[in-house]
Protein backbone atom coordinates (compact mmCIF):
# COMPACT_ATOMS: atom_id res chain seq x y z
CA MET A 1 93.77 136.21 131.55
CA ASN A 2 95.81 136.60 128.28
CA ILE A 3 94.70 140.48 128.22
CA LYS A 4 95.83 140.91 131.80
CA LEU A 5 99.41 139.23 131.04
CA LEU A 6 99.72 141.41 128.11
CA ARG A 7 98.77 144.42 130.29
CA ASN A 8 101.25 143.64 132.83
CA GLY A 9 103.85 142.80 130.33
CA SER A 10 103.44 146.03 128.72
CA ILE A 11 103.61 147.80 132.12
CA TYR A 12 106.79 145.96 133.05
CA LEU A 13 108.41 146.84 129.68
CA LEU A 14 107.67 150.48 130.08
CA GLY A 15 109.26 150.40 133.30
CA ASP A 16 112.33 148.88 132.16
CA VAL A 17 112.52 151.32 129.07
CA ILE A 18 112.11 154.35 131.08
CA SER A 19 114.86 153.32 133.72
CA LYS A 20 117.14 152.87 130.89
CA ILE A 21 116.25 156.14 129.16
CA VAL A 22 116.82 158.48 131.92
CA PRO A 23 120.54 157.76 132.38
CA PHE A 24 120.97 157.82 128.60
CA VAL A 25 119.33 161.39 128.49
CA LEU A 26 121.63 162.63 131.29
CA LEU A 27 124.76 161.90 129.17
CA PRO A 28 124.89 165.27 127.85
CA TYR A 29 124.57 166.75 131.26
CA PHE A 30 127.44 164.41 132.74
CA SER A 31 129.64 165.02 129.79
CA ARG A 32 129.55 168.89 130.15
CA VAL A 33 129.47 169.20 133.94
CA LEU A 34 132.19 166.69 134.48
CA SER A 35 135.83 167.09 133.10
CA ALA A 36 136.86 164.33 130.57
CA ASP A 37 138.96 162.91 133.19
CA GLU A 38 136.10 162.58 135.88
CA PHE A 39 133.67 161.23 133.05
CA GLY A 40 136.20 158.45 132.48
CA ARG A 41 136.28 157.82 136.24
CA LEU A 42 132.41 157.73 136.14
CA SER A 43 132.35 155.12 133.27
CA LEU A 44 135.02 153.04 135.21
CA TYR A 45 132.90 153.38 138.51
CA GLN A 46 129.90 152.01 136.53
CA ALA A 47 131.83 149.18 135.16
CA TYR A 48 132.98 148.32 138.46
CA TYR A 49 129.64 148.27 140.37
CA ASN A 50 128.00 146.23 137.42
CA LEU A 51 130.73 143.69 138.01
CA ILE A 52 130.48 143.45 141.71
CA ILE A 53 126.50 143.40 141.60
CA ILE A 54 126.99 139.99 139.56
CA PHE A 55 128.96 138.37 142.68
CA LEU A 56 126.64 139.87 144.93
CA LEU A 57 123.57 138.48 143.45
CA TYR A 58 125.01 135.45 142.68
CA GLY A 59 121.83 134.65 140.47
CA VAL A 60 119.38 134.95 143.68
CA ASP A 61 117.16 137.18 141.44
CA ALA A 62 116.65 134.38 138.79
CA THR A 63 116.61 131.84 141.84
CA LEU A 64 113.78 133.91 143.43
CA LEU A 65 111.83 134.20 140.27
CA ARG A 66 112.00 130.39 139.73
CA THR A 67 111.19 129.42 143.49
CA PHE A 68 107.93 131.44 143.33
CA HIS A 69 106.62 130.00 139.96
CA ARG A 70 107.85 126.26 140.93
CA TYR A 71 107.40 126.09 144.56
CA GLY A 72 104.97 128.84 145.65
CA LYS A 73 104.93 131.96 147.81
CA PHE A 74 105.97 130.59 151.12
CA ALA A 75 109.09 129.02 149.72
CA ALA A 76 109.76 132.22 147.87
CA SER A 77 109.49 134.41 151.00
CA ARG A 78 111.98 132.24 152.71
CA VAL A 79 114.39 132.59 149.78
CA PHE A 80 113.89 136.21 149.51
CA VAL A 81 114.93 136.67 153.19
CA LEU A 82 117.90 134.26 152.69
CA SER A 83 118.96 136.23 149.37
CA ILE A 84 118.93 139.47 151.46
CA ILE A 85 121.42 137.68 153.96
CA CYS A 86 123.51 136.22 151.66
CA ILE A 87 123.84 139.28 149.57
CA SER A 88 124.78 141.24 152.87
CA VAL A 89 127.39 138.67 153.92
CA ILE A 90 129.08 138.74 150.59
CA PHE A 91 129.02 142.29 150.63
CA ILE A 92 130.87 142.65 154.18
CA VAL A 93 133.62 140.43 152.58
CA LEU A 94 134.06 142.46 149.44
CA LEU A 95 133.95 145.67 151.65
CA ILE A 96 136.67 144.34 153.56
CA VAL A 97 138.67 143.37 150.37
CA SER A 98 137.85 146.82 148.60
CA ILE A 99 139.54 149.00 151.60
CA ASN A 100 142.71 147.79 150.50
CA LEU A 101 142.01 148.58 146.91
CA ASN A 102 141.59 152.00 145.16
CA GLY A 103 138.83 154.44 146.43
CA ASP A 104 136.71 154.05 143.21
CA PHE A 105 136.41 150.22 143.81
CA PHE A 106 135.27 150.88 147.61
CA ILE A 107 132.66 153.28 146.45
CA SER A 108 131.51 150.86 143.58
CA THR A 109 131.24 147.96 146.11
CA VAL A 110 128.70 150.10 148.57
CA THR A 111 126.78 151.26 145.45
CA ALA A 112 126.62 147.59 144.08
CA TYR A 113 124.98 146.33 147.57
CA PHE A 114 122.32 149.02 147.42
CA LEU A 115 121.49 148.20 143.76
CA ALA A 116 121.60 144.39 144.33
CA LEU A 117 119.10 144.75 147.08
CA ASN A 118 116.80 146.79 144.73
CA ALA A 119 117.16 144.07 142.10
CA VAL A 120 115.90 141.32 144.56
CA ILE A 121 113.17 143.52 145.70
CA LEU A 122 112.06 144.20 142.04
CA VAL A 123 112.07 140.61 141.50
CA TYR A 124 109.91 139.88 144.53
CA PHE A 125 107.36 142.74 143.26
CA GLN A 126 107.18 140.93 140.01
CA SER A 127 107.06 137.37 141.34
CA VAL A 128 103.88 138.20 143.41
CA GLY A 129 102.36 140.17 140.54
CA ASN A 130 102.78 143.46 142.14
CA VAL A 131 102.88 145.34 138.84
CA SER A 132 102.08 149.08 140.68
CA SER A 133 104.98 148.79 143.18
CA TYR A 134 107.27 147.37 140.52
CA VAL A 135 107.01 150.13 138.45
CA LYS A 136 106.99 152.69 140.94
CA PHE A 137 110.09 151.47 142.74
CA GLN A 138 112.07 150.91 139.53
CA ILE A 139 111.08 154.52 137.82
CA GLY A 140 111.00 156.42 140.94
CA ASN A 141 114.53 155.23 142.09
CA VAL A 142 116.05 156.34 138.88
CA LEU A 143 114.11 159.71 138.91
CA VAL A 144 115.10 160.58 142.56
CA SER A 145 118.84 159.32 142.14
CA SER A 146 119.00 161.39 139.15
CA LEU A 147 117.56 164.43 140.83
CA MET A 148 119.74 164.03 143.90
CA THR A 149 122.70 164.05 141.36
CA VAL A 150 121.99 167.18 139.76
CA LEU A 151 121.32 168.67 143.13
CA LEU A 152 124.56 167.67 144.58
CA PHE A 153 126.53 168.53 141.50
CA TYR A 154 125.23 172.03 141.67
CA PHE A 155 125.43 172.93 145.08
CA VAL A 156 128.24 170.71 146.39
CA ASP A 157 130.79 169.28 143.71
CA ALA A 158 130.35 167.60 140.21
CA SER A 159 132.15 164.31 141.04
CA VAL A 160 131.77 160.56 140.72
CA GLY A 161 131.92 160.58 144.57
CA TYR A 162 128.53 162.48 144.77
CA ARG A 163 126.79 160.68 141.91
CA ALA A 164 127.67 157.39 144.13
CA VAL A 165 126.07 159.07 147.13
CA ALA A 166 122.95 160.00 145.20
CA ILE A 167 122.69 156.52 143.84
CA CYS A 168 123.24 155.09 147.23
CA LEU A 169 120.73 157.36 149.08
CA SER A 170 118.07 156.94 146.72
CA ALA A 171 118.64 153.09 146.55
CA PHE A 172 118.49 153.04 150.56
CA PHE A 173 115.26 155.15 150.61
CA PHE A 174 113.27 152.68 148.31
CA CYS A 175 114.93 149.69 149.79
CA PHE A 176 113.84 150.74 153.35
CA PHE A 177 110.10 151.71 152.43
CA SER A 178 109.77 148.81 150.13
CA LEU A 179 110.72 146.31 152.74
CA PHE A 180 108.46 148.01 155.21
CA GLN A 181 105.78 147.57 152.67
CA LEU A 182 106.67 143.95 152.10
CA LYS A 183 106.93 142.94 155.87
CA SER A 184 103.23 142.02 155.90
CA HIS A 185 103.91 139.39 152.92
CA ILE A 186 106.90 137.92 154.23
CA VAL A 187 106.90 135.07 156.86
CA PHE A 188 109.97 135.27 159.03
CA SER A 189 109.10 132.45 161.27
CA ASN A 190 110.00 129.58 158.72
CA VAL A 191 113.11 131.26 157.10
CA PHE A 192 115.62 129.18 158.96
CA THR A 193 113.49 125.95 158.77
CA ASN A 194 115.46 124.31 156.19
CA PHE A 195 118.26 126.80 156.08
CA PRO A 196 121.28 124.36 155.04
CA LEU A 197 118.95 122.85 152.18
CA ASP A 198 117.82 126.27 150.99
CA VAL A 199 121.48 127.97 151.26
CA LYS A 200 122.56 124.74 149.11
CA TYR A 201 119.67 125.12 146.56
CA ILE A 202 120.62 129.16 146.18
CA LEU A 203 124.31 128.42 145.65
CA SER A 204 123.82 125.51 143.06
CA PHE A 205 121.15 127.31 140.93
CA GLY A 206 123.09 130.75 141.11
CA PHE A 207 126.13 129.28 139.72
CA GLY A 208 125.20 128.83 136.25
CA VAL A 209 123.28 132.16 136.27
CA THR A 210 126.48 134.01 137.56
CA ILE A 211 128.81 132.40 134.96
CA ASN A 212 126.25 133.48 132.21
CA LYS A 213 126.10 137.03 133.55
CA LEU A 214 129.88 137.09 133.71
CA SER A 215 130.20 136.09 130.09
CA PHE A 216 127.92 138.99 129.23
CA PHE A 217 129.84 141.53 131.39
CA VAL A 218 133.01 140.55 129.49
CA ARG A 219 131.41 141.13 126.10
CA GLY A 220 129.78 144.41 127.29
CA GLN A 221 131.76 146.37 129.88
CA LEU A 222 135.23 144.62 130.45
CA ASP A 223 136.74 146.75 127.75
CA ARG A 224 136.05 150.04 130.06
CA ILE A 225 138.49 148.57 132.78
CA VAL A 226 140.99 147.11 130.15
CA ILE A 227 141.26 150.54 128.65
CA SER A 228 141.42 152.35 131.85
CA ASN A 229 144.81 150.18 132.65
CA ARG A 230 146.41 151.04 129.14
CA TYR A 231 145.13 154.59 128.50
CA VAL A 232 144.21 157.75 130.17
CA LEU A 233 141.13 158.73 131.53
CA SER A 234 140.20 161.23 128.78
CA GLU A 235 140.55 158.59 126.15
CA LEU A 236 138.31 156.10 128.14
CA ALA A 237 135.64 159.14 128.59
CA VAL A 238 135.49 159.33 124.91
CA PHE A 239 135.17 155.59 124.20
CA SER A 240 132.63 154.94 126.99
CA LEU A 241 130.47 157.71 125.62
CA ALA A 242 130.44 156.10 122.36
CA SER A 243 129.66 152.86 123.90
CA GLN A 244 126.81 154.38 125.82
CA ILE A 245 125.33 155.95 122.88
CA SER A 246 125.50 152.57 121.03
CA LEU A 247 123.58 150.97 123.78
CA ALA A 248 120.53 152.82 122.73
CA PHE A 249 120.20 150.11 120.08
CA SER A 250 120.75 147.35 122.72
CA ILE A 251 117.82 148.79 124.84
CA LEU A 252 115.70 149.04 121.45
CA LEU A 253 116.33 145.26 121.13
CA ILE A 254 115.63 144.15 124.34
CA ALA A 255 112.35 145.94 124.34
CA THR A 256 111.61 144.27 121.02
CA ASN A 257 112.40 140.87 122.37
CA LYS A 258 109.98 141.00 125.16
CA VAL A 259 107.28 141.44 122.45
CA TYR A 260 108.87 138.97 119.83
CA ALA A 261 109.44 136.27 122.31
CA PRO A 262 105.64 135.49 123.15
CA TYR A 263 104.73 136.07 119.39
CA ILE A 264 107.30 133.46 118.01
CA TYR A 265 106.57 130.95 120.97
CA ARG A 266 102.73 131.30 120.08
CA ARG A 267 103.33 130.48 116.38
CA ILE A 268 105.73 127.68 116.94
CA LYS A 269 103.41 126.21 119.36
CA ASN A 270 100.53 126.35 116.98
CA ASN A 271 102.71 124.96 114.10
CA ASN A 272 101.98 127.70 111.85
CA ILE A 273 105.85 128.63 111.10
CA THR A 274 108.53 127.00 109.28
CA LYS A 275 112.27 127.11 109.69
CA LYS A 276 112.14 128.75 106.34
CA ASN A 277 110.03 131.65 107.58
CA VAL A 278 112.16 132.24 110.56
CA LEU A 279 115.39 132.10 108.09
CA PHE A 280 113.78 134.82 106.15
CA GLN A 281 113.10 136.90 109.31
CA ILE A 282 116.81 136.69 110.16
CA ALA A 283 118.10 137.50 106.85
CA TYR A 284 115.47 140.70 106.85
CA SER A 285 116.74 141.39 110.39
CA ALA A 286 120.32 141.52 109.38
CA THR A 287 119.67 144.57 107.21
CA PHE A 288 119.09 146.55 110.24
CA PRO A 289 122.51 146.90 111.74
CA LEU A 290 123.67 147.83 108.11
CA ILE A 291 121.13 150.64 107.99
CA VAL A 292 122.31 151.67 111.62
CA TYR A 293 126.00 151.63 110.43
CA LEU A 294 125.28 153.90 107.40
CA ILE A 295 123.13 156.33 109.31
CA MET A 296 125.71 156.71 112.40
CA ILE A 297 128.76 157.08 109.83
CA LEU A 298 127.00 160.17 108.07
CA VAL A 299 126.76 161.72 111.80
CA PRO A 300 129.58 164.44 111.79
CA SER A 301 131.91 164.87 114.83
CA GLU A 302 130.33 168.72 115.07
CA PHE A 303 127.09 166.94 116.18
CA TYR A 304 128.74 165.33 119.04
CA ILE A 305 130.83 168.47 119.90
CA TYR A 306 127.40 170.19 119.97
CA VAL A 307 125.80 167.84 122.31
CA PHE A 308 128.38 166.60 124.77
CA GLY A 309 131.19 169.17 124.43
CA ASP A 310 134.42 170.04 122.80
CA ASP A 311 136.36 167.22 124.33
CA TYR A 312 134.07 164.46 122.55
CA SER A 313 134.91 165.13 118.87
CA ASP A 314 136.40 161.66 118.45
CA VAL A 315 133.09 160.12 119.51
CA ALA A 316 132.25 159.84 115.70
CA LEU A 317 135.18 157.62 115.31
CA TYR A 318 133.89 154.76 117.29
CA VAL A 319 130.13 155.19 117.38
CA PRO A 320 129.37 153.57 113.79
CA GLN A 321 131.07 150.22 114.51
CA MET A 322 130.06 150.14 118.08
CA SER A 323 126.24 150.78 117.13
CA LEU A 324 126.90 147.96 114.40
CA GLY A 325 128.41 145.55 117.00
CA GLN A 326 125.02 146.36 119.28
CA SER A 327 122.42 146.10 116.45
CA ILE A 328 123.85 142.83 115.07
CA GLN A 329 122.48 141.28 118.29
CA ILE A 330 118.98 141.35 116.63
CA VAL A 331 120.13 137.90 114.69
CA TYR A 332 121.37 136.45 117.88
CA MET A 333 118.31 137.52 119.66
CA ILE A 334 115.96 135.75 117.11
CA MET A 335 117.93 132.53 117.01
CA SER A 336 118.60 132.62 120.86
CA THR A 337 114.90 132.87 121.63
CA ILE A 338 113.75 130.00 119.28
CA ILE A 339 116.53 127.85 120.75
CA ILE A 340 115.70 128.46 124.29
CA TYR A 341 112.00 127.44 123.54
CA PHE A 342 113.22 123.95 122.25
CA GLY A 343 115.15 123.68 125.51
CA ARG A 344 118.68 123.70 124.06
CA ILE A 345 119.73 126.08 126.76
CA LYS A 346 122.77 124.20 128.19
CA MET A 347 124.57 124.18 124.73
CA LEU A 348 123.58 127.85 123.99
CA SER A 349 125.46 128.66 127.52
CA ILE A 350 128.30 126.77 126.49
CA ILE A 351 128.88 128.63 123.33
CA THR A 352 128.27 131.81 124.99
CA ILE A 353 130.60 131.26 127.42
CA SER A 354 133.29 129.92 125.04
CA CYS A 355 132.70 133.12 122.81
CA SER A 356 132.96 135.45 125.91
CA VAL A 357 136.60 133.63 126.50
CA LEU A 358 137.48 134.39 122.73
CA HIS A 359 136.29 138.00 123.28
CA PHE A 360 138.41 138.56 126.34
CA VAL A 361 141.68 137.15 124.54
CA LEU A 362 140.71 139.55 121.36
CA LEU A 363 140.18 142.18 123.83
CA ASN A 364 143.51 142.21 125.52
CA THR A 365 145.22 141.65 122.23
CA LEU A 366 143.51 144.56 120.56
CA SER A 367 143.75 147.01 123.31
CA LEU A 368 147.67 146.85 122.91
CA ILE A 369 147.21 148.15 119.13
CA GLY A 370 144.68 150.90 119.96
CA ILE A 371 141.28 151.84 121.04
CA TYR A 372 139.84 152.19 117.52
CA GLU A 373 140.60 148.44 116.92
CA VAL A 374 138.72 147.81 120.37
CA SER A 375 135.69 149.59 119.18
CA TRP A 376 135.50 147.03 116.27
CA LEU A 377 135.49 144.00 118.71
CA SER A 378 131.67 143.72 119.64
CA PHE A 379 130.84 143.40 115.82
CA PHE A 380 133.30 140.93 115.02
CA SER A 381 132.75 138.70 118.11
CA GLY A 382 129.36 139.23 117.58
CA VAL A 383 129.33 137.73 113.96
CA ILE A 384 131.57 134.81 115.21
CA GLN A 385 129.22 134.00 118.02
CA ILE A 386 126.29 133.91 115.37
CA ILE A 387 127.89 131.77 112.98
CA ILE A 388 128.87 129.27 115.75
CA ILE A 389 125.34 129.24 117.15
CA TYR A 390 123.70 128.72 113.68
CA VAL A 391 126.09 125.83 112.53
CA PHE A 392 126.13 123.89 115.88
CA LEU A 393 122.64 124.62 117.30
CA PHE A 394 120.04 126.49 114.97
CA ARG A 395 120.63 124.45 112.04
CA LYS A 396 119.75 121.22 113.85
CA LEU A 397 116.49 122.40 115.14
CA ARG A 398 113.44 120.68 113.88
CA PHE A 399 110.28 122.47 113.84
CA SER A 400 106.93 120.26 113.95
CA VAL A 401 105.73 121.47 110.46
CA ALA A 402 107.16 120.18 107.35
CA LEU A 403 109.73 122.64 105.47
């Protein structure tokens, strides 16, 4: 059983990493094919649809996973169908609202709808242990949308609109065939049996998850929206490119955490690790962001010009500190993983949300000064969050073994 879980976990991890690497690899293509202004629009479009997805999902992905493991397949089947209905209703409301806003928000809303459906289907595949379909769906969708983007850019026009068309068509294609595949596993007859209670369950559980996701959005992508309102799109393009380069370290950390969490949980459960050992791990991991910063600061602007084009020489001004801000999350990752094991999730969420509010205030303040100052924000807010979590949570944890 442990070998099967390890194998499935490795496959899920591989799918997640590949699906995130493909868009990253496409960055040089996008930066050269699109004008700087259009690349800025692309980054703003991505920020919008990632924000809208949070409201469309309303935590139903986490609710579905919890329902399957806690209440079983039939309850999860019911929640799955209701999730699709809820997402569609919220989408219609947001679509009506977006009609009165700018065109970018409209296409972002449509994109978010299909990606939200994708997310729910992926969670259902994961819940029932259908590893093969999960990975095929996840990687296939990214590859097809990327290929369609290249073809549309080449034969029609290189623009944000056609990138959106590629994402939506690919997502629709995979949603249709996945739902067709799942129809034999879904029990439709009992969907509305406990409709009021099920909707109340989804809404109540999803609220906390949504707030938590919003807090991460504030710290990760809200800066693009704020900068777009105060600077020109070409400046946003340079900033967002630097941000996406630095996110490579975030992808690495997420992959590492999926391996680290089971390892540290097993050691805590078996009482063969002390807080002193963990503090040593934290101190050792803190050297990682320093090494990253020193390496990235040595990369000349000519390298970014060669890879991404003449408009992106200033990327070198932002990448070192933004990479520092991403990589310092390794310390947060270690502490939060252990805190979750001890069940102090509520306090961790309160601190995370409070730090996000502080980040929001600092973002709006620093954006009035300059983009360079904003590029340091993730590092400083990350340090503040780590200090607060250590003082108010981690320091008070008591391991079973004596220190």
